[in-house]
Amino acid sequence: MHKEIFINESMGETRIAIQEDGQLVEVYVEKQDNHRMVGNVYKGKVENVLPGMQAAFVDVGYELNAFLPFSEIGSDEYLLEENEGRRNRNNKNVKYDNIEVDLKKDQEIYVQVIKEPFAGKGPRVTTEVALPGRLLVLVPNASYIGISKKIWDKFERRRLKKIAQKLRVGNIGIIIRTVAEGKSEEHIENDHKQLIDNWNKIENKANNEDAPVLVYEDLETASSVVRDLLTPDVEKIIIDSKRLFKKTQKYLEDVSPSLLDRLELYKLKAPLFESFGIESDIEKLMRPKAWLKSGAYLIIEKTEAMVVVDVNSGRFVGKKLHEENSLKINLEAAREVARQLRLRDLSGLIVIDFIDMKFEENRKKVYHELRKELKKDRAKVAVAPITEFGLLEMTRQRIRVSLLDSMSEECPTCHGSGRIISQETLITRIDHWLRRYKSKHRSLRLELQLHPENADYLSGEKRHVLRGLMWQNFVHLKIKSNPDIPQDEFSFIRTKDGLDVTQEMNLEKDNPA
């Protein structure tokens, strides 16, 4: 597989793009004034303990308290004795309905962020702190040694385990990452020494400062991508920022000098992402429609409750029977859905509406194709078989904010609905407002301010409606065009004193006596 990483730094944000065989598969965005929190370790203070929710809220110094589910409490010191026989740190699949914890308000506690804050919710945290390095992950307050399941060779696993056993000190566990395969003992020792130094710094800072306080800040997005994704199969990493280039160069000199020749500083005047066709691909990700090569397309809608994906045949003209055509489109759609989920970083509950297929064996083919493609995804997923209605339900782990939320903001006019009221409905609201106003006031002259399009519509094509509003409410209306007013709103100004009376009547409507 031909794999490349591109890093672009601008005045507003840093963007990282990953291509596999010339196709964009992952995009990361970090705003300059809004650094990510995932991986950060805090000395926090417990604010609330809610056994009914099986969760606690921890003050970490962020504007919203962090959310700590009891299932993320791995240290025995925070669990009551009744839980000790039931907890198994090495078995993450075991779930408990009622975990009893030994946490009290204002108690100080170490936590690490595992999910970014989003949509009015604080960050999600765990007490199982893990410090990632290039080759190893250090797990304080643990006694186990873990080896990546992607390292298959039993002799290599045995060699790495012996090295880890020699390195392990005190009550600090070690997880050996996939990239450690084939690395010398010296390189692994250097990575371990650096992680131990980091942990000592964390303890020193925590001992000398009061909670809540940030005691360890993980690498910025660009550096963390290099640390986690710069595997031997990456052929190039191209950076257009001298600052990031030098920082990455120094990092690789310390942990993996053999990969230095793959690092490249982009020097051309044309923007990096435009030169490699990445910019246009990112722009397409902001649209709900994603076209397939066959002429079919996907509609991807992100809602508050779930992500919905609809598969449509579009311009596809098949030469076979309907069932075979449906299977062909659905197989192609399954591959593209898996790619789009990674690209857009969509998470939570996801429902995919495939084109209906009569035969169970064909539904199974599409299901297995989707599962195969999702194996390329680093996020955890759970997939259910396709139902007889052609619907597939799945969940995808959320770690970061989705690409849509990172690169866009809610529309101040439609407030995220994607639609605004029609001009006819706006006229109806103006009519109702006037009736309420005239029932309490005797003003004979008002100025009606509207968006230019609506002002032209009401004073031109709907001139007769305007006259009807004036006769019916016994008031003279002067229409004024105001580009600052949203298309689905209006404003009334009392002519005699220039006072805006719109809000006054709206408040009376919302809060009747």
Protein backbone atom coordinates (compact mmCIF):
# COMPACT_ATOMS: atom_id res chain seq x y z
CA MET A 1 0.00 0.00 0.00
CA HIS A 2 1.34 3.44 -1.02
CA LYS A 3 0.84 5.66 2.06
CA GLU A 4 1.70 9.36 2.49
CA ILE A 5 1.13 11.98 5.21
CA PHE A 6 0.74 15.71 4.42
CA ILE A 7 0.87 18.41 7.11
CA ASN A 8 -0.22 21.99 6.38
CA GLU A 9 0.11 24.83 8.91
CA SER A 10 -1.66 28.15 8.30
CA MET A 11 -2.51 31.21 10.39
CA GLY A 12 -5.84 29.71 11.45
CA GLU A 13 -5.31 25.99 11.81
CA THR A 14 -3.08 22.97 11.29
CA ARG A 15 -4.39 20.25 8.97
CA ILE A 16 -3.09 16.71 8.48
CA ALA A 17 -4.14 14.54 5.55
CA ILE A 18 -3.36 10.86 5.01
CA GLN A 19 -3.51 9.26 1.58
CA GLU A 20 -3.49 5.54 0.79
CA ASP A 21 -2.79 4.65 -2.84
CA GLY A 22 -3.46 8.27 -3.83
CA GLN A 23 -6.85 8.33 -2.11
CA LEU A 24 -7.62 10.54 0.89
CA VAL A 25 -8.58 8.39 3.90
CA GLU A 26 -8.10 10.54 7.02
CA VAL A 27 -8.13 14.26 7.85
CA TYR A 28 -7.23 15.94 11.16
CA VAL A 29 -7.84 19.60 11.94
CA GLU A 30 -6.53 21.55 14.93
CA LYS A 31 -7.36 25.24 15.38
CA GLN A 32 -4.50 27.44 16.56
CA ASP A 33 -6.46 28.76 19.56
CA ASN A 34 -8.20 25.51 20.46
CA HIS A 35 -5.72 22.73 21.16
CA ARG A 36 -6.96 19.20 21.64
CA MET A 37 -7.41 17.73 25.12
CA VAL A 38 -7.27 13.98 24.42
CA GLY A 39 -4.24 12.47 26.16
CA ASN A 40 -3.89 15.31 28.68
CA VAL A 41 -3.51 14.27 32.33
CA TYR A 42 -5.05 16.37 35.10
CA LYS A 43 -4.96 16.41 38.86
CA GLY A 44 -8.67 17.00 39.30
CA LYS A 45 -11.15 17.50 42.11
CA VAL A 46 -14.34 15.43 42.42
CA GLU A 47 -17.43 17.66 42.16
CA ASN A 48 -20.30 15.14 42.23
CA VAL A 49 -20.65 11.38 42.63
CA LEU A 50 -23.87 10.00 41.11
CA PRO A 51 -24.29 6.24 41.71
CA GLY A 52 -27.61 6.31 39.84
CA MET A 53 -25.79 7.47 36.70
CA GLN A 54 -22.79 5.23 37.49
CA ALA A 55 -20.60 8.29 36.96
CA ALA A 56 -18.80 11.13 38.69
CA PHE A 57 -18.06 14.69 37.58
CA VAL A 58 -14.53 15.99 38.05
CA ASP A 59 -13.30 19.60 37.99
CA VAL A 60 -10.17 19.68 35.80
CA GLY A 61 -10.04 23.45 35.33
CA TYR A 62 -12.06 23.39 32.11
CA GLU A 63 -15.25 25.46 31.81
CA LEU A 64 -17.31 22.22 32.03
CA ASN A 65 -16.71 19.43 34.52
CA ALA A 66 -15.19 16.23 33.11
CA PHE A 67 -17.40 13.13 32.94
CA LEU A 68 -15.94 10.04 34.65
CA PRO A 69 -17.99 6.83 34.16
CA PHE A 70 -17.46 4.27 36.92
CA SER A 71 -16.49 1.77 34.20
CA GLU A 72 -13.43 3.95 33.50
CA ILE A 73 -12.20 3.68 37.10
CA GLY A 74 -9.45 1.08 36.96
CA SER A 75 -7.53 1.77 40.15
CA ASP A 76 -8.49 -0.35 43.18
CA GLU A 77 -7.94 2.60 45.52
CA TYR A 78 -11.11 4.24 44.11
CA LEU A 79 -13.24 1.06 44.37
CA LEU A 80 -14.97 -0.39 47.39
CA GLU A 81 -13.79 -3.83 48.53
CA GLU A 82 -16.94 -5.55 47.16
CA ASN A 83 -15.76 -4.73 43.63
CA GLU A 84 -12.25 -6.11 43.94
CA GLY A 85 -13.16 -9.71 43.17
CA ARG A 86 -15.23 -8.67 40.17
CA ARG A 87 -12.83 -6.28 38.45
CA ASN A 88 -10.46 -7.68 35.85
CA ARG A 89 -8.16 -5.07 34.34
CA ASN A 90 -7.07 -7.37 31.54
CA ASN A 91 -10.61 -8.16 30.40
CA LYS A 92 -12.12 -5.02 28.89
CA ASN A 93 -15.18 -6.94 27.65
CA VAL A 94 -16.50 -7.58 31.15
CA LYS A 95 -19.24 -5.08 32.05
CA TYR A 96 -20.77 -4.38 35.45
CA ASP A 97 -24.19 -2.89 36.00
CA ASN A 98 -23.51 -1.56 39.48
CA ILE A 99 -19.96 -0.57 40.39
CA GLU A 100 -19.50 0.87 43.88
CA VAL A 101 -16.78 3.49 44.22
CA ASP A 102 -14.91 5.14 47.06
CA LEU A 103 -15.09 8.73 45.81
CA LYS A 104 -16.11 11.82 47.78
CA LYS A 105 -16.70 15.48 46.93
CA ASP A 106 -13.49 17.56 46.79
CA GLN A 107 -11.35 14.40 46.67
CA GLU A 108 -8.25 14.85 44.46
CA ILE A 109 -7.84 12.34 41.63
CA TYR A 110 -5.64 11.75 38.57
CA VAL A 111 -7.62 11.57 35.31
CA GLN A 112 -6.74 11.44 31.62
CA VAL A 113 -8.96 12.79 28.81
CA ILE A 114 -10.14 10.11 26.38
CA LYS A 115 -12.80 12.15 24.50
CA GLU A 116 -12.91 15.80 23.55
CA PRO A 117 -15.65 18.07 24.96
CA PHE A 118 -18.51 18.44 22.50
CA ALA A 119 -22.01 19.90 22.16
CA GLY A 120 -22.23 21.30 25.68
CA LYS A 121 -20.68 18.21 27.28
CA GLY A 122 -17.39 18.23 29.15
CA PRO A 123 -14.46 15.96 28.29
CA ARG A 124 -14.74 12.25 29.08
CA VAL A 125 -11.96 10.98 31.34
CA THR A 126 -10.51 7.78 32.81
CA THR A 127 -8.39 7.05 35.88
CA GLU A 128 -6.33 4.54 33.89
CA VAL A 129 -3.55 6.92 32.84
CA ALA A 130 -1.46 5.83 29.85
CA LEU A 131 1.50 7.76 28.44
CA PRO A 132 2.12 6.92 24.77
CA GLY A 133 5.58 6.95 23.26
CA ARG A 134 6.77 6.05 19.80
CA LEU A 135 7.42 2.37 20.63
CA LEU A 136 5.84 1.86 24.05
CA VAL A 137 2.89 2.95 26.17
CA LEU A 138 3.59 3.43 29.87
CA VAL A 139 0.73 2.46 32.20
CA PRO A 140 1.36 3.75 35.76
CA ASN A 141 -0.28 1.88 38.64
CA ALA A 142 -0.51 -1.33 36.63
CA SER A 143 1.45 -4.55 36.77
CA TYR A 144 0.98 -6.07 33.33
CA ILE A 145 2.98 -6.26 30.11
CA GLY A 146 1.01 -6.09 26.89
CA ILE A 147 2.09 -6.66 23.29
CA SER A 148 0.23 -5.39 20.22
CA LYS A 149 -1.94 -8.09 18.67
CA LYS A 150 -0.72 -6.96 15.24
CA ILE A 151 2.71 -8.44 16.00
CA TRP A 152 2.16 -12.01 14.83
CA ASP A 153 5.63 -13.61 14.99
CA LYS A 154 5.86 -15.63 18.22
CA PHE A 155 9.67 -15.29 18.43
CA GLU A 156 9.45 -11.52 18.06
CA ARG A 157 6.73 -11.38 20.72
CA ARG A 158 8.93 -13.44 23.05
CA ARG A 159 11.93 -11.12 22.42
CA LEU A 160 9.88 -7.98 23.06
CA LYS A 161 8.38 -9.43 26.22
CA LYS A 162 11.86 -10.19 27.64
CA ILE A 163 12.95 -6.61 26.93
CA ALA A 164 9.82 -5.25 28.64
CA GLN A 165 10.36 -7.48 31.69
CA LYS A 166 13.88 -6.07 32.07
CA LEU A 167 12.64 -2.50 31.74
CA ARG A 168 9.61 -2.69 34.02
CA VAL A 169 10.13 -0.95 37.37
CA GLY A 170 7.83 -0.75 40.38
CA ASN A 171 4.11 -0.66 39.76
CA ILE A 172 4.32 0.62 36.19
CA GLY A 173 3.00 -1.50 33.33
CA ILE A 174 4.22 -1.49 29.71
CA ILE A 175 2.38 -1.97 26.42
CA ILE A 176 4.55 -2.62 23.36
CA ARG A 177 3.23 -0.92 20.22
CA THR A 178 3.17 -2.39 16.71
CA VAL A 179 5.97 -0.10 15.48
CA ALA A 180 8.34 -1.67 18.05
CA GLU A 181 8.50 -4.82 15.92
CA GLY A 182 12.10 -5.36 14.77
CA LYS A 183 13.44 -2.39 16.78
CA SER A 184 16.65 -2.80 18.75
CA GLU A 185 16.71 -3.11 22.51
CA GLU A 186 18.55 0.22 22.70
CA HIS A 187 15.77 2.09 20.86
CA ILE A 188 13.12 0.54 23.10
CA GLU A 189 15.12 1.44 26.23
CA ASN A 190 15.46 5.06 25.07
CA ASP A 191 11.70 5.32 24.54
CA HIS A 192 11.07 3.80 27.97
CA LYS A 193 13.52 6.19 29.66
CA GLN A 194 11.79 9.19 28.07
CA LEU A 195 8.37 7.97 29.25
CA ILE A 196 9.64 7.36 32.81
CA ASP A 197 11.07 10.91 32.85
CA ASN A 198 7.65 12.24 31.76
CA TRP A 199 5.89 10.32 34.53
CA ASN A 200 8.35 11.63 37.16
CA LYS A 201 7.68 15.19 35.96
CA ILE A 202 3.93 14.56 36.25
CA GLU A 203 4.26 13.35 39.84
CA ASN A 204 6.51 16.27 40.81
CA LYS A 205 4.11 18.83 39.34
CA ALA A 206 1.08 17.16 40.94
CA ASN A 207 2.77 17.12 44.35
CA ASN A 208 3.63 20.81 44.19
CA GLU A 209 0.38 22.26 42.80
CA ASP A 210 -3.23 22.28 43.99
CA ALA A 211 -6.06 20.71 42.00
CA PRO A 212 -7.43 21.34 39.48
CA VAL A 213 -4.25 21.52 37.39
CA LEU A 214 -2.95 20.20 34.07
CA VAL A 215 0.03 17.99 34.92
CA TYR A 216 0.77 16.54 31.47
CA GLU A 217 -0.07 17.94 28.04
CA ASP A 218 0.00 15.48 25.16
CA LEU A 219 1.60 16.36 21.84
CA GLU A 220 -0.18 18.71 19.44
CA THR A 221 -2.17 16.98 16.70
CA ALA A 222 0.59 17.08 14.05
CA SER A 223 3.20 15.57 16.39
CA SER A 224 0.80 12.94 17.74
CA VAL A 225 -0.07 11.84 14.19
CA VAL A 226 3.65 11.42 13.46
CA ARG A 227 4.10 9.47 16.69
CA ASP A 228 1.11 7.18 16.16
CA LEU A 229 0.85 6.82 12.38
CA LEU A 230 4.39 7.09 11.00
CA THR A 231 4.80 3.35 10.51
CA PRO A 232 7.31 1.67 8.14
CA ASP A 233 4.65 1.50 5.40
CA VAL A 234 4.53 5.33 5.20
CA GLU A 235 6.63 6.33 2.19
CA LYS A 236 6.59 10.12 2.67
CA ILE A 237 5.68 12.75 5.20
CA ILE A 238 5.52 16.20 3.58
CA ILE A 239 5.32 19.34 5.76
CA ASP A 240 4.96 22.96 4.57
CA SER A 241 5.95 24.55 7.91
CA LYS A 242 9.62 24.98 8.85
CA ARG A 243 8.68 25.00 12.54
CA LEU A 244 6.84 21.68 12.36
CA PHE A 245 9.46 20.22 10.04
CA LYS A 246 12.30 20.93 12.49
CA LYS A 247 10.22 19.68 15.41
CA THR A 248 9.37 16.44 13.60
CA GLN A 249 12.98 16.04 12.45
CA LYS A 250 14.27 16.32 16.02
CA TYR A 251 11.62 13.87 17.24
CA LEU A 252 12.58 11.27 14.63
CA GLU A 253 16.29 11.72 15.36
CA ASP A 254 15.57 10.65 18.94
CA VAL A 255 13.15 7.78 18.38
CA SER A 256 13.44 6.51 14.80
CA PRO A 257 16.41 7.84 12.76
CA SER A 258 15.75 5.29 10.00
CA LEU A 259 12.61 7.22 8.98
CA LEU A 260 14.34 10.60 8.59
CA ASP A 261 14.82 10.14 4.84
CA ARG A 262 11.03 10.01 4.42
CA LEU A 263 10.60 13.50 5.86
CA GLU A 264 10.31 16.28 3.28
CA LEU A 265 9.92 20.07 3.56
CA TYR A 266 7.51 21.47 0.96
CA LYS A 267 8.98 24.64 -0.58
CA LEU A 268 6.79 25.48 -3.60
CA LYS A 269 4.65 28.65 -3.63
CA ALA A 270 1.44 26.83 -4.52
CA PRO A 271 -0.45 25.64 -1.38
CA LEU A 272 0.51 22.09 -0.37
CA PHE A 273 -3.02 20.66 -0.26
CA GLU A 274 -3.92 22.18 -3.63
CA SER A 275 -0.79 20.77 -5.28
CA PHE A 276 -1.75 17.23 -4.32
CA GLY A 277 -5.50 17.58 -4.95
CA ILE A 278 -6.35 17.33 -1.25
CA GLU A 279 -8.08 20.71 -0.94
CA SER A 280 -10.86 19.81 -3.39
CA ASP A 281 -11.37 16.45 -1.61
CA ILE A 282 -11.78 18.24 1.74
CA GLU A 283 -14.31 20.66 0.23
CA LYS A 284 -16.38 17.67 -0.94
CA LEU A 285 -16.43 16.33 2.62
CA MET A 286 -18.45 19.36 3.71
CA ARG A 287 -21.30 18.35 1.40
CA PRO A 288 -23.93 15.73 2.27
CA LYS A 289 -23.65 14.00 -1.13
CA ALA A 290 -20.72 11.66 -1.92
CA TRP A 291 -20.55 10.28 -5.47
CA LEU A 292 -19.43 6.75 -6.31
CA LYS A 293 -17.52 5.80 -9.48
CA SER A 294 -20.49 3.82 -10.81
CA GLY A 295 -22.73 6.92 -10.82
CA ALA A 296 -24.53 5.98 -7.61
CA TYR A 297 -24.19 8.26 -4.57
CA LEU A 298 -24.48 8.47 -0.79
CA ILE A 299 -26.42 11.05 1.22
CA ILE A 300 -24.77 11.50 4.62
CA GLU A 301 -26.73 13.44 7.24
CA LYS A 302 -25.44 14.07 10.76
CA THR A 303 -28.19 14.71 13.31
CA GLU A 304 -28.17 15.21 17.07
CA ALA A 305 -29.26 11.60 17.64
CA MET A 306 -27.44 9.67 14.93
CA VAL A 307 -25.75 9.66 11.54
CA VAL A 308 -27.94 8.52 8.64
CA VAL A 309 -26.48 7.27 5.34
CA ASP A 310 -28.77 6.69 2.36
CA VAL A 311 -27.54 4.72 -0.68
CA ASN A 312 -29.03 5.85 -4.02
CA SER A 313 -28.59 4.36 -7.50
CA GLY A 314 -28.25 7.84 -9.04
CA ARG A 315 -26.92 7.73 -12.61
CA PHE A 316 -26.03 4.03 -12.42
CA VAL A 317 -27.39 2.09 -15.38
CA GLY A 318 -26.88 -1.62 -14.91
CA LYS A 319 -26.91 -4.26 -17.61
CA LYS A 320 -28.00 -7.09 -15.30
CA LEU A 321 -31.08 -7.99 -13.28
CA HIS A 322 -32.27 -5.67 -10.51
CA GLU A 323 -30.93 -7.88 -7.69
CA GLU A 324 -27.46 -8.06 -9.25
CA ASN A 325 -27.41 -4.33 -9.91
CA SER A 326 -28.44 -3.64 -6.30
CA LEU A 327 -25.71 -5.93 -4.99
CA LYS A 328 -23.06 -4.21 -7.13
CA ILE A 329 -24.07 -0.74 -5.95
CA ASN A 330 -24.30 -1.83 -2.30
CA LEU A 331 -20.84 -3.44 -2.34
CA GLU A 332 -19.32 -0.25 -3.76
CA ALA A 333 -21.33 1.82 -1.26
CA ALA A 334 -20.10 -0.32 1.67
CA ARG A 335 -16.49 0.43 0.75
CA GLU A 336 -17.18 4.14 0.38
CA VAL A 337 -19.21 4.35 3.61
CA ALA A 338 -16.27 2.92 5.59
CA ARG A 339 -13.97 5.50 3.97
CA GLN A 340 -16.36 8.41 4.57
CA LEU A 341 -16.78 7.51 8.25
CA ARG A 342 -12.99 7.69 8.70
CA LEU A 343 -12.66 10.86 6.64
CA ARG A 344 -15.49 12.79 8.28
CA ASP A 345 -14.78 11.20 11.69
CA LEU A 346 -18.45 10.42 12.20
CA SER A 347 -19.35 8.54 15.37
CA GLY A 348 -22.12 7.36 17.66
CA LEU A 349 -25.10 5.47 16.25
CA ILE A 350 -24.94 5.15 12.45
CA VAL A 351 -27.79 3.79 10.31
CA ILE A 352 -27.13 2.89 6.66
CA ASP A 353 -30.06 2.44 4.28
CA PHE A 354 -28.81 0.14 1.51
CA ILE A 355 -30.77 -0.52 -1.69
CA ASP A 356 -33.22 -3.36 -1.03
CA MET A 357 -32.05 -6.88 -1.86
CA LYS A 358 -34.30 -9.94 -1.82
CA PHE A 359 -31.77 -12.64 -1.01
CA GLU A 360 -30.19 -13.12 2.41
CA GLU A 361 -26.89 -14.27 0.88
CA ASN A 362 -26.51 -10.92 -0.90
CA ARG A 363 -27.21 -9.00 2.31
CA LYS A 364 -24.49 -11.06 3.98
CA LYS A 365 -22.01 -10.21 1.20
CA VAL A 366 -22.56 -6.48 1.73
CA TYR A 367 -22.35 -6.88 5.53
CA HIS A 368 -19.02 -8.75 5.32
CA GLU A 369 -17.65 -6.24 2.78
CA LEU A 370 -18.38 -3.37 5.17
CA ARG A 371 -16.79 -5.23 8.11
CA LYS A 372 -13.68 -5.93 6.02
CA GLU A 373 -13.29 -2.25 5.10
CA LEU A 374 -13.89 -1.10 8.68
CA LYS A 375 -10.84 -3.09 9.82
CA LYS A 376 -8.73 -0.28 8.34
CA ASP A 377 -10.33 2.11 10.84
CA ARG A 378 -8.45 2.78 14.10
CA ALA A 379 -11.69 3.68 15.91
CA LYS A 380 -13.62 0.85 17.55
CA VAL A 381 -16.78 -0.19 15.70
CA ALA A 382 -19.68 -2.58 16.30
CA VAL A 383 -21.76 -3.68 13.30
CA ALA A 384 -25.13 -5.48 13.18
CA PRO A 385 -26.28 -7.53 10.14
CA ILE A 386 -28.49 -5.93 7.48
CA THR A 387 -32.20 -6.28 8.23
CA GLU A 388 -34.84 -7.38 5.72
CA PHE A 389 -35.62 -3.69 5.18
CA GLY A 390 -32.06 -3.05 3.95
CA LEU A 391 -31.02 -1.16 7.11
CA LEU A 392 -27.69 -1.70 8.84
CA GLU A 393 -27.03 -0.36 12.33
CA MET A 394 -23.55 0.23 13.68
CA THR A 395 -21.69 2.31 16.22
CA ARG A 396 -18.32 4.02 15.90
CA GLN A 397 -16.15 5.28 18.72
CA ARG A 398 -15.92 9.05 19.12
CA ILE A 399 -12.54 10.44 20.12
CA ARG A 400 -12.35 13.75 18.25
CA VAL A 401 -14.96 16.22 17.08
CA SER A 402 -16.23 15.36 13.58
CA LEU A 403 -14.67 17.10 10.58
CA LEU A 404 -17.93 18.97 9.90
CA ASP A 405 -17.95 20.42 13.41
CA SER A 406 -14.20 21.22 13.24
CA MET A 407 -14.41 23.13 9.97
CA SER A 408 -17.85 24.75 10.13
CA GLU A 409 -20.22 26.53 12.49
CA GLU A 410 -23.97 26.46 12.91
CA CYS A 411 -25.78 28.80 10.51
CA PRO A 412 -27.09 31.82 12.47
CA THR A 413 -30.16 31.95 10.20
CA CYS A 414 -31.38 28.35 10.06
CA HIS A 415 -29.68 27.23 13.34
CA GLY A 416 -28.55 23.93 11.87
CA SER A 417 -31.82 22.85 10.24
CA GLY A 418 -30.64 23.68 6.72
CA ARG A 419 -33.96 25.42 5.96
CA ILE A 420 -35.63 28.79 6.58
CA ILE A 421 -39.31 29.73 6.53
CA SER A 422 -40.89 30.63 3.20
CA GLN A 423 -41.74 34.23 2.26
CA GLU A 424 -45.47 33.45 2.57
CA THR A 425 -44.98 32.16 6.12
CA LEU A 426 -42.95 35.27 6.95
CA ILE A 427 -45.86 37.47 5.78
CA THR A 428 -48.21 35.43 8.00
CA ARG A 429 -45.95 36.07 11.01
CA ILE A 430 -45.85 39.80 10.19
CA ASP A 431 -49.67 39.79 10.02
CA HIS A 432 -49.98 38.09 13.42
CA TRP A 433 -47.42 40.47 14.96
CA LEU A 434 -49.33 43.52 13.72
CA ARG A 435 -52.59 42.21 15.15
CA ARG A 436 -51.01 41.70 18.59
CA TYR A 437 -49.37 45.11 18.45
CA LYS A 438 -52.50 47.04 17.40
CA SER A 439 -54.53 45.34 20.13
CA LYS A 440 -52.37 47.21 22.70
CA HIS A 441 -50.96 50.26 20.92
CA ARG A 442 -52.37 53.12 18.82
CA SER A 443 -49.31 53.94 16.67
CA LEU A 444 -50.38 54.93 13.16
CA ARG A 445 -46.97 54.74 11.47
CA LEU A 446 -44.41 51.92 11.53
CA GLU A 447 -41.32 51.14 9.51
CA LEU A 448 -41.02 47.45 8.51
CA GLN A 449 -37.39 46.44 7.96
CA LEU A 450 -36.76 43.27 5.93
CA HIS A 451 -33.97 41.43 4.15
CA PRO A 452 -33.60 42.97 0.63
CA GLU A 453 -35.15 39.93 -1.10
CA ASN A 454 -38.20 40.00 1.17
CA ALA A 455 -38.49 43.79 0.94
CA ASP A 456 -38.60 43.60 -2.88
CA TYR A 457 -41.07 40.71 -2.71
CA LEU A 458 -43.51 42.49 -0.38
CA SER A 459 -43.31 45.92 -2.03
CA GLY A 460 -43.43 44.48 -5.55
CA GLU A 461 -45.14 41.16 -6.32
CA LYS A 462 -47.10 41.21 -3.03
CA ARG A 463 -47.96 44.92 -3.06
CA HIS A 464 -51.64 44.07 -2.69
CA VAL A 465 -50.84 42.03 0.46
CA LEU A 466 -49.01 45.03 1.92
CA ARG A 467 -52.05 47.26 1.30
CA GLY A 468 -54.27 44.64 2.93
CA LEU A 469 -52.05 44.59 6.06
CA MET A 470 -52.28 48.39 6.34
CA TRP A 471 -56.10 48.56 5.86
CA GLN A 472 -56.78 45.62 8.16
CA ASN A 473 -54.66 47.01 11.04
CA PHE A 474 -55.26 50.72 10.37
CA VAL A 475 -51.53 51.52 10.18
CA HIS A 476 -49.20 53.02 7.58
CA LEU A 477 -46.22 50.73 6.80
CA LYS A 478 -43.01 51.94 5.21
CA ILE A 479 -40.89 49.11 3.80
CA LYS A 480 -37.12 49.45 4.27
CA SER A 481 -34.47 47.09 2.91
CA ASN A 482 -31.90 46.02 5.55
CA PRO A 483 -29.20 43.45 4.56
CA ASP A 484 -28.31 42.90 8.24
CA ILE A 485 -31.69 41.26 8.94
CA PRO A 486 -31.80 37.47 8.36
CA GLN A 487 -34.13 36.22 5.60
CA ASP A 488 -36.59 34.65 8.03
CA GLU A 489 -36.87 37.63 10.39
CA PHE A 490 -38.31 41.17 10.39
CA SER A 491 -38.05 44.31 12.48
CA PHE A 492 -40.64 47.01 13.26
CA ILE A 493 -39.51 50.57 14.07
CA ARG A 494 -41.96 53.09 15.57
CA THR A 495 -41.71 56.13 13.31
CA LYS A 496 -42.39 58.85 15.88
CA ASP A 497 -39.43 57.99 18.13
CA GLY A 498 -37.34 55.48 16.12
CA LEU A 499 -37.80 52.77 18.79
CA ASP A 500 -37.52 49.11 17.74
CA VAL A 501 -40.72 47.54 19.10
CA THR A 502 -40.30 44.07 17.58
CA GLN A 503 -38.74 42.38 20.59
CA GLU A 504 -41.29 43.90 22.95
CA MET A 505 -44.19 42.10 21.29
CA ASN A 506 -42.22 38.87 20.86
CA LEU A 507 -41.53 38.79 24.60
CA GLU A 508 -45.22 39.30 25.35
CA LYS A 509 -46.05 36.44 23.00
CA ASP A 510 -43.52 34.08 24.63
CA ASN A 511 -44.43 35.11 28.20
CA PRO A 512 -48.18 35.81 28.32
CA ALA A 513 -49.52 37.16 31.59
